[in-house]
């Protein structure tokens, strides 16, 4: 019997212990628990005793079952395995150690200079002539040959340097083809947004054709086109590979300005667009303002030229006169003049076909244009009722309009 068997017999596991469970509902109490019955109770016990004896006999005849639980696994087997492992470890410690000689690895051709035939090879014995030639051929006169690692580093360095030169050469060649090739030179300039042949021709002759599409100055071209008095705004886009599209918005004239040098169209922002000639379209539908400052023999002000900027408020004021005067006074035929006042401000004067003149003032007057036209309408109505011949009407002074009569 082994040591494991002895320990198993001495101390059993909890699962190996048999469990006996017997339940007796008619178990008699211990003598300590019995009491001494009284006289009346003693008589009753004598009557019940035969029945109890019969029941005890019946219980003795019954067969009681007991339940025994036994574990499925045998712990002695596990203990035996553990003991065997411990014994093997003890034997391995006592056993003498044996060393295994590693297999020799053949040296490479780069390290030795000769091919290995197999296994470890002996050092190559060189003659004195070979050593002398190696000493003079090696750098700094060293007989030690150049290592393969240094050779590979030099090889990588030169490869990287050559690759860099190749990339730079390809880039230079590509840029040369891009900037000098005729495929990227602008051959056509498309003008969109206008039907004015003069404006289209002036834009197409600005020197954009023939330039490289990569080198064309878009901002500079847009500034040159915006400098044209006929153009209000410009956008320029590139249509690859060799076309440009110019989108322009023309200035819209709102009235004509007549000076001693000629008649010019003016837009709502006060920009003088161009001079009026027979080819100007829509000029007959515009109202005319006569600039009295630039007419006459004694005129010393600056001459009006296309591209000049006039006062936008004065242009808006003149347009309002042309719209509201016929509606409020019923006068449809008149001439609007612009002249300088004694204080240097501009004054608008309405000259009717009946011979009278109405001084409406300018944009700096406190009284609104509607009030001035109402006063003019009331004075004209009063003159018609009283059959007066008006010479001048001045409504520049607010609540105190002045009129004069012809003698």
Protein backbone atom coordinates (compact mmCIF):
# COMPACT_ATOMS: atom_id res chain seq x y z
CA UNK A 1 0.00 0.00 0.00
CA UNK A 2 1.34 3.40 -0.97
CA UNK A 3 1.50 6.55 1.04
CA UNK A 4 -1.45 7.99 -0.82
CA UNK A 5 -3.61 4.95 0.09
CA UNK A 6 -2.73 5.27 3.77
CA UNK A 7 -3.68 8.94 3.89
CA UNK A 8 -6.94 8.18 2.05
CA UNK A 9 -7.91 5.53 4.61
CA UNK A 10 -7.01 7.66 7.60
CA UNK A 11 -8.87 10.76 6.49
CA UNK A 12 -11.77 10.43 4.11
CA UNK A 13 -13.18 13.19 2.05
CA UNK A 14 -16.53 14.64 2.86
CA UNK A 15 -18.01 13.25 -0.34
CA UNK A 16 -16.91 9.68 0.61
CA UNK A 17 -18.72 9.62 3.90
CA UNK A 18 -22.00 7.70 3.90
CA UNK A 19 -25.02 9.63 5.12
CA UNK A 20 -27.74 7.75 7.01
CA UNK A 21 -31.02 9.50 7.43
CA UNK A 22 -33.80 7.74 9.36
CA UNK A 23 -36.96 9.54 10.31
CA UNK A 24 -39.08 7.96 13.08
CA UNK A 25 -42.24 9.92 13.82
CA UNK A 26 -43.03 7.77 16.83
CA UNK A 27 -39.68 8.08 18.61
CA UNK A 28 -39.99 7.97 22.40
CA UNK A 29 -38.57 10.95 24.36
CA UNK A 30 -35.56 10.38 26.54
CA UNK A 31 -36.05 9.59 30.19
CA UNK A 32 -34.94 13.08 31.09
CA UNK A 33 -37.77 14.50 29.05
CA UNK A 34 -40.42 12.21 30.74
CA UNK A 35 -42.56 13.63 33.51
CA UNK A 36 -44.25 11.92 36.32
CA UNK A 37 -47.91 11.71 35.29
CA UNK A 38 -50.72 12.54 37.69
CA UNK A 39 -53.42 10.11 38.80
CA UNK A 40 -55.91 11.00 36.10
CA UNK A 41 -53.27 10.96 33.46
CA UNK A 42 -52.00 7.61 34.64
CA UNK A 43 -55.39 6.05 33.96
CA UNK A 44 -55.47 7.45 30.51
CA UNK A 45 -52.00 6.12 29.77
CA UNK A 46 -53.03 2.64 30.77
CA UNK A 47 -55.85 2.81 28.24
CA UNK A 48 -53.60 4.07 25.47
CA UNK A 49 -50.67 1.72 26.17
CA UNK A 50 -52.02 -1.31 24.25
CA UNK A 51 -52.51 0.82 21.15
CA UNK A 52 -48.99 2.24 21.41
CA UNK A 53 -47.45 -1.22 21.82
CA UNK A 54 -49.25 -2.43 18.73
CA UNK A 55 -48.03 0.58 16.72
CA UNK A 56 -44.43 0.08 17.83
CA UNK A 57 -44.55 -3.51 16.73
CA UNK A 58 -45.87 -2.42 13.34
CA UNK A 59 -43.01 0.08 12.98
CA UNK A 60 -40.42 -2.55 13.85
CA UNK A 61 -41.75 -4.71 11.06
CA UNK A 62 -41.16 -1.98 8.51
CA UNK A 63 -37.86 -1.91 6.52
CA UNK A 64 -36.01 1.43 6.76
CA UNK A 65 -34.01 2.69 3.69
CA UNK A 66 -30.75 4.54 3.97
CA UNK A 67 -29.10 6.82 1.39
CA UNK A 68 -25.35 6.52 0.75
CA UNK A 69 -23.54 9.12 -1.44
CA UNK A 70 -20.22 8.07 -3.03
CA UNK A 71 -18.16 10.46 -5.22
CA UNK A 72 -17.68 9.59 -8.90
CA UNK A 73 -13.93 10.46 -9.12
CA UNK A 74 -11.33 8.63 -7.09
CA UNK A 75 -9.04 11.21 -5.39
CA UNK A 76 -6.40 8.54 -4.81
CA UNK A 77 -5.71 8.46 -8.56
CA UNK A 78 -5.06 12.24 -8.64
CA UNK A 79 -2.75 11.93 -5.65
CA UNK A 80 -0.79 9.15 -7.32
CA UNK A 81 -0.26 11.34 -10.44
CA UNK A 82 0.99 14.23 -8.33
CA UNK A 83 3.40 11.95 -6.50
CA UNK A 84 4.74 10.61 -9.79
CA UNK A 85 5.45 14.13 -11.06
CA UNK A 86 7.34 15.00 -7.91
CA UNK A 87 9.43 11.86 -8.23
CA UNK A 88 10.33 12.69 -11.85
CA UNK A 89 11.45 16.20 -10.82
CA UNK A 90 13.73 14.75 -8.14
CA UNK A 91 15.32 12.36 -10.62
CA UNK A 92 15.89 15.14 -13.16
CA UNK A 93 17.77 17.20 -10.59
CA UNK A 94 20.04 14.29 -9.71
CA UNK A 95 20.67 13.36 -13.35
CA UNK A 96 23.94 14.87 -14.77
CA UNK A 97 23.51 17.71 -17.31
CA UNK A 98 24.39 17.13 -20.96
CA UNK A 99 25.28 19.99 -23.28
CA UNK A 100 24.35 19.95 -26.97
CA UNK A 101 26.89 21.41 -29.35
CA UNK A 102 25.18 23.82 -31.81
CA UNK A 103 25.39 23.08 -35.46
CA UNK A 104 28.04 25.22 -37.19
CA UNK A 105 26.69 27.79 -39.66
CA UNK A 106 28.46 28.40 -42.91
CA UNK A 107 29.90 31.90 -43.35
CA UNK A 108 28.78 33.96 -46.31
CA UNK A 109 30.78 34.83 -49.35
CA UNK A 110 30.65 38.56 -48.45
CA UNK A 111 32.47 37.85 -45.17
CA UNK A 112 35.08 35.39 -46.31
CA UNK A 113 35.59 36.06 -50.03
CA UNK A 114 35.22 32.35 -50.85
CA UNK A 115 32.26 30.01 -51.15
CA UNK A 116 31.58 27.69 -48.20
CA UNK A 117 31.48 23.95 -49.03
CA UNK A 118 29.51 23.07 -45.91
CA UNK A 119 29.85 23.27 -42.15
CA UNK A 120 32.41 25.43 -40.41
CA UNK A 121 35.35 26.32 -42.60
CA UNK A 122 38.81 27.28 -41.60
CA UNK A 123 40.25 30.72 -42.05
CA UNK A 124 41.69 31.27 -45.50
CA UNK A 125 45.45 31.39 -45.42
CA UNK A 126 46.67 34.14 -47.69
CA UNK A 127 50.13 34.37 -49.11
CA UNK A 128 52.44 37.31 -48.50
CA UNK A 129 51.81 38.59 -52.03
CA UNK A 130 48.05 38.57 -51.48
CA UNK A 131 48.40 40.32 -48.12
CA UNK A 132 50.67 42.96 -49.69
CA UNK A 133 48.22 43.64 -52.55
CA UNK A 134 45.27 43.81 -50.09
CA UNK A 135 47.19 46.20 -47.85
CA UNK A 136 47.88 48.64 -50.70
CA UNK A 137 44.41 48.32 -52.26
CA UNK A 138 42.53 48.86 -48.97
CA UNK A 139 41.84 52.46 -47.83
CA UNK A 140 44.44 54.02 -45.48
CA UNK A 141 46.72 51.08 -46.12
CA UNK A 142 44.75 48.74 -43.80
CA UNK A 143 44.89 44.97 -44.51
CA UNK A 144 41.35 44.61 -43.11
CA UNK A 145 38.86 44.20 -45.98
CA UNK A 146 35.83 46.48 -46.31
CA UNK A 147 32.81 45.10 -44.52
CA UNK A 148 29.69 44.23 -46.50
CA UNK A 149 27.59 46.61 -44.33
CA UNK A 150 29.67 49.60 -45.39
CA UNK A 151 29.36 48.60 -49.02
CA UNK A 152 25.56 48.36 -48.76
CA UNK A 153 25.39 51.79 -47.06
CA UNK A 154 27.41 53.38 -49.86
CA UNK A 155 25.25 51.62 -52.41
CA UNK A 156 22.05 52.95 -50.78
CA UNK A 157 23.49 56.47 -50.61
CA UNK A 158 24.34 56.55 -54.31
CA UNK A 159 20.97 55.06 -55.24
CA UNK A 160 19.13 57.73 -53.26
CA UNK A 161 21.25 60.49 -54.76
CA UNK A 162 20.61 59.24 -58.30
CA UNK A 163 16.87 58.91 -57.56
CA UNK A 164 16.78 62.51 -56.32
CA UNK A 165 18.51 63.75 -59.47
CA UNK A 166 16.09 61.75 -61.61
CA UNK A 167 13.04 63.23 -59.85
CA UNK A 168 14.38 66.78 -60.20
CA UNK A 169 15.09 66.20 -63.88
CA UNK A 170 11.57 64.87 -64.47
CA UNK A 171 10.05 67.88 -62.68
CA UNK A 172 12.10 70.33 -64.71
CA UNK A 173 11.15 68.57 -67.92
CA UNK A 174 7.46 68.56 -66.98
CA UNK A 175 7.43 72.25 -66.03
CA UNK A 176 9.20 73.12 -69.25
CA UNK A 177 6.60 71.25 -71.26
CA UNK A 178 3.75 72.88 -69.34
CA UNK A 179 5.01 76.47 -69.57
CA UNK A 180 6.38 76.32 -73.13
CA UNK A 181 3.93 74.03 -74.82
CA UNK A 182 1.47 75.56 -77.28
CA UNK A 183 -1.28 73.34 -75.88
CA UNK A 184 -1.61 75.64 -72.84
CA UNK A 185 -1.45 78.97 -74.69
CA UNK A 186 -4.69 80.97 -74.79
CA UNK A 187 -6.18 80.86 -78.25
CA UNK A 188 -9.69 82.23 -77.63
CA UNK A 189 -11.30 84.78 -75.26
CA UNK A 190 -15.10 84.46 -74.90
CA UNK A 191 -17.00 87.57 -73.73
CA UNK A 192 -20.38 86.89 -72.12
CA UNK A 193 -23.02 89.33 -70.82
CA UNK A 194 -22.98 92.00 -73.52
CA UNK A 195 -23.83 92.47 -77.19
CA UNK A 196 -21.82 95.67 -77.54
CA UNK A 197 -19.37 94.92 -80.35
CA UNK A 198 -17.11 97.81 -79.33
CA UNK A 199 -16.79 96.49 -75.77
CA UNK A 200 -16.23 92.90 -76.92
CA UNK A 201 -13.53 93.96 -79.37
CA UNK A 202 -11.75 96.09 -76.74
CA UNK A 203 -11.67 93.17 -74.26
CA UNK A 204 -10.40 90.67 -76.81
CA UNK A 205 -7.56 93.04 -77.77
CA UNK A 206 -6.15 93.40 -74.27
CA UNK A 207 -3.33 90.96 -74.98
CA UNK A 208 -4.69 87.84 -73.26
CA UNK A 209 -4.38 85.67 -76.36
CA UNK A 210 -1.03 83.95 -76.70
CA UNK A 211 -0.28 83.92 -72.96
CA UNK A 212 0.20 80.73 -71.00
CA UNK A 213 -2.98 79.87 -69.15
CA UNK A 214 -0.98 79.08 -65.99
CA UNK A 215 0.83 82.43 -66.02
CA UNK A 216 -2.03 84.77 -66.97
CA UNK A 217 -2.69 87.47 -64.32
CA UNK A 218 -6.41 87.11 -63.64
CA UNK A 219 -6.66 89.93 -61.08
CA UNK A 220 -4.74 92.34 -63.29
CA UNK A 221 -6.93 91.56 -66.30
CA UNK A 222 -10.10 92.09 -64.27
CA UNK A 223 -8.84 95.49 -63.08
CA UNK A 224 -8.10 96.54 -66.67
CA UNK A 225 -11.57 95.48 -67.82
CA UNK A 226 -13.25 97.23 -64.85
CA UNK A 227 -11.47 100.43 -65.81
CA UNK A 228 -13.60 100.58 -68.95
CA UNK A 229 -16.48 103.06 -68.34
CA UNK A 230 -18.92 100.73 -70.10
CA UNK A 231 -18.33 97.92 -67.56
CA UNK A 232 -19.91 97.80 -64.12
CA UNK A 233 -18.44 94.45 -62.93
CA UNK A 234 -16.31 91.64 -64.35
CA UNK A 235 -15.55 87.98 -63.64
CA UNK A 236 -12.85 85.98 -65.46
CA UNK A 237 -12.64 82.18 -65.51
CA UNK A 238 -10.25 79.70 -67.16
CA UNK A 239 -11.55 77.06 -69.57
CA UNK A 240 -8.81 74.45 -69.74
CA UNK A 241 -6.61 74.00 -71.54
CA UNK A 242 -6.46 77.14 -73.72
CA UNK A 243 -9.55 79.38 -73.36
CA UNK A 244 -10.76 82.24 -71.13
CA UNK A 245 -14.34 83.33 -70.42
CA UNK A 246 -14.99 86.97 -69.45
CA UNK A 247 -18.42 87.74 -67.96
CA UNK A 248 -19.21 91.46 -67.89
CA UNK A 249 -22.13 93.53 -66.62
CA UNK A 250 -22.66 96.76 -68.54
CA UNK A 251 -23.53 100.08 -66.96
CA UNK A 252 -27.14 101.18 -67.52
CA UNK A 253 -27.56 104.91 -68.34
CA UNK A 254 -30.36 106.77 -66.52
CA UNK A 255 -30.03 110.26 -68.09
CA UNK A 256 -28.04 112.39 -70.50
CA UNK A 257 -25.68 115.17 -69.48
CA UNK A 258 -25.24 117.92 -72.05
CA UNK A 259 -22.07 120.05 -71.91
CA UNK A 260 -20.28 122.36 -74.27
CA UNK A 261 -18.05 119.45 -75.31
CA UNK A 262 -20.92 117.11 -76.10
CA UNK A 263 -23.63 114.95 -74.59
CA UNK A 264 -22.78 111.95 -72.37
CA UNK A 265 -24.68 109.08 -70.81
CA UNK A 266 -24.55 108.78 -67.00
CA UNK A 267 -25.57 105.82 -64.81
CA UNK A 268 -27.17 105.84 -61.37
CA UNK A 269 -23.78 105.83 -59.60
CA UNK A 270 -22.72 109.04 -61.33
CA UNK A 271 -20.22 107.45 -63.73
CA UNK A 272 -19.99 109.09 -67.16
CA UNK A 273 -20.32 106.14 -69.52
CA UNK A 274 -19.70 107.41 -73.03
CA UNK A 275 -20.48 110.20 -75.44
CA UNK A 276 -23.73 110.06 -77.36
CA UNK A 277 -23.58 109.58 -81.11
CA UNK A 278 -25.78 108.22 -83.84
CA UNK A 279 -24.81 104.63 -82.94
CA UNK A 280 -25.86 104.96 -79.28
CA UNK A 281 -28.93 102.80 -78.67
CA UNK A 282 -31.71 104.02 -76.35
CA UNK A 283 -30.42 107.58 -76.04
CA UNK A 284 -33.69 109.02 -77.39
CA UNK A 285 -35.61 107.59 -74.41
CA UNK A 286 -33.46 109.36 -71.78
CA UNK A 287 -34.07 112.81 -70.27
CA UNK A 288 -31.38 115.46 -70.63
CA UNK A 289 -29.81 117.64 -67.96
CA UNK A 290 -28.00 120.73 -69.28
CA UNK A 291 -24.82 121.44 -67.36
CA UNK A 292 -24.76 125.24 -67.25
CA UNK A 293 -21.39 125.18 -65.43
CA UNK A 294 -19.65 123.74 -68.50
CA UNK A 295 -21.51 125.77 -71.11
CA UNK A 296 -20.90 129.31 -72.21
CA UNK A 297 -17.81 131.28 -73.02
CA UNK A 298 -16.69 131.84 -69.44
CA UNK A 299 -16.78 128.22 -68.33
CA UNK A 300 -13.63 127.30 -66.39
CA UNK A 301 -14.60 123.99 -64.79
CA UNK A 302 -13.07 120.66 -65.72
CA UNK A 303 -14.34 119.16 -68.94
CA UNK A 304 -16.54 116.05 -68.71
CA UNK A 305 -14.92 112.88 -69.98
CA UNK A 306 -15.99 109.20 -70.03
CA UNK A 307 -15.01 107.46 -66.81
CA UNK A 308 -15.44 110.51 -64.55
CA UNK A 309 -17.45 110.15 -61.34
CA UNK A 310 -20.16 112.74 -60.68
CA UNK A 311 -22.17 113.20 -57.51
CA UNK A 312 -24.52 110.22 -57.32
CA UNK A 313 -26.95 112.21 -55.12
CA UNK A 314 -27.32 114.84 -57.81
CA UNK A 315 -28.07 112.17 -60.41
CA UNK A 316 -30.73 110.65 -58.16
CA UNK A 317 -32.23 114.11 -57.47
CA UNK A 318 -32.47 114.89 -61.20
CA UNK A 319 -34.13 111.55 -61.90
CA UNK A 320 -36.71 112.26 -59.19
CA UNK A 321 -37.51 115.65 -60.77
CA UNK A 322 -38.14 114.02 -64.15
CA UNK A 323 -40.50 111.51 -62.51
CA UNK A 324 -42.46 113.69 -60.05
CA UNK A 325 -42.72 117.09 -61.76
CA UNK A 326 -45.11 115.96 -64.54
CA UNK A 327 -47.21 114.03 -62.04
CA UNK A 328 -47.59 116.85 -59.49
CA UNK A 329 -47.74 119.96 -61.73
CA UNK A 330 -48.98 118.58 -65.02
CA UNK A 331 -46.02 120.04 -66.93
CA UNK A 332 -44.62 117.49 -69.34
CA UNK A 333 -42.41 119.66 -71.52
CA UNK A 334 -39.60 121.45 -69.75
CA UNK A 335 -35.83 121.76 -69.62
CA UNK A 336 -33.78 120.91 -66.54
CA UNK A 337 -30.58 122.91 -66.06
CA UNK A 338 -27.83 122.45 -63.47
CA UNK A 339 -25.85 125.53 -62.45
CA UNK A 340 -23.79 126.82 -59.54
CA UNK A 341 -25.27 129.03 -56.82
CA UNK A 342 -23.58 131.88 -54.97
CA UNK A 343 -22.64 129.55 -52.07
CA UNK A 344 -20.94 127.09 -54.45
CA UNK A 345 -23.66 124.43 -54.24
CA UNK A 346 -25.37 123.05 -57.32
CA UNK A 347 -28.89 124.23 -58.11
CA UNK A 348 -31.42 122.59 -60.43
CA UNK A 349 -33.55 125.03 -62.47
CA UNK A 350 -36.69 124.06 -64.37
CA UNK A 351 -37.26 126.16 -67.51
CA UNK A 352 -40.75 125.88 -68.98
CA UNK A 353 -41.93 126.56 -72.51
CA UNK A 354 -44.07 129.44 -71.14
CA UNK A 355 -40.96 131.43 -70.26
CA UNK A 356 -40.77 131.16 -66.48
CA UNK A 357 -37.99 129.49 -64.47
CA UNK A 358 -38.35 127.58 -61.19
CA UNK A 359 -35.37 127.27 -58.83
CA UNK A 360 -35.76 123.89 -57.07
CA UNK A 361 -32.44 123.93 -55.22
CA UNK A 362 -30.23 120.92 -54.68
CA UNK A 363 -29.74 117.85 -52.53
CA UNK A 364 -28.38 119.81 -49.53
CA UNK A 365 -31.61 121.77 -48.89
CA UNK A 366 -33.58 120.89 -45.77
CA UNK A 367 -36.93 121.08 -47.47
CA UNK A 368 -37.87 117.86 -49.30
CA UNK A 369 -38.46 117.73 -53.05
CA UNK A 370 -42.12 116.81 -52.57
CA UNK A 371 -42.78 119.97 -50.52
CA UNK A 372 -40.98 122.15 -53.08
CA UNK A 373 -43.02 120.72 -55.92
CA UNK A 374 -46.25 121.24 -53.98
CA UNK A 375 -45.36 124.91 -53.43
CA UNK A 376 -44.54 125.26 -57.14
CA UNK A 377 -47.89 123.71 -58.06
CA UNK A 378 -49.79 126.11 -55.78
CA UNK A 379 -47.97 129.17 -57.18
CA UNK A 380 -48.73 128.07 -60.74
CA UNK A 381 -52.38 127.56 -59.83
CA UNK A 382 -52.53 131.01 -58.21
CA UNK A 383 -50.97 132.65 -61.30
CA UNK A 384 -53.48 130.91 -63.54
CA UNK A 385 -56.40 132.07 -61.43
CA UNK A 386 -55.19 135.66 -61.27
CA UNK A 387 -53.85 135.63 -64.83
CA UNK A 388 -50.34 136.53 -63.76
CA UNK A 389 -47.31 136.28 -65.99
CA UNK A 390 -44.58 134.56 -63.97
CA UNK A 391 -40.94 135.27 -64.52
CA UNK A 392 -39.23 133.24 -61.75
CA UNK A 393 -40.33 130.99 -58.89
CA UNK A 394 -37.93 130.20 -56.02
CA UNK A 395 -38.95 127.40 -53.64
CA UNK A 396 -35.56 126.89 -52.00
CA UNK A 397 -36.49 128.69 -48.76
CA UNK A 398 -38.96 126.28 -47.24
CA UNK A 399 -42.14 128.02 -46.01
CA UNK A 400 -41.28 131.25 -47.78
CA UNK A 401 -41.47 130.71 -51.56
CA UNK A 402 -40.78 133.69 -53.76
CA UNK A 403 -42.00 134.44 -57.27
CA UNK A 404 -41.55 137.35 -59.63
CA UNK A 405 -43.66 138.65 -62.49
CA UNK A 406 -42.75 139.86 -65.92
CA UNK A 407 -43.10 143.58 -66.45
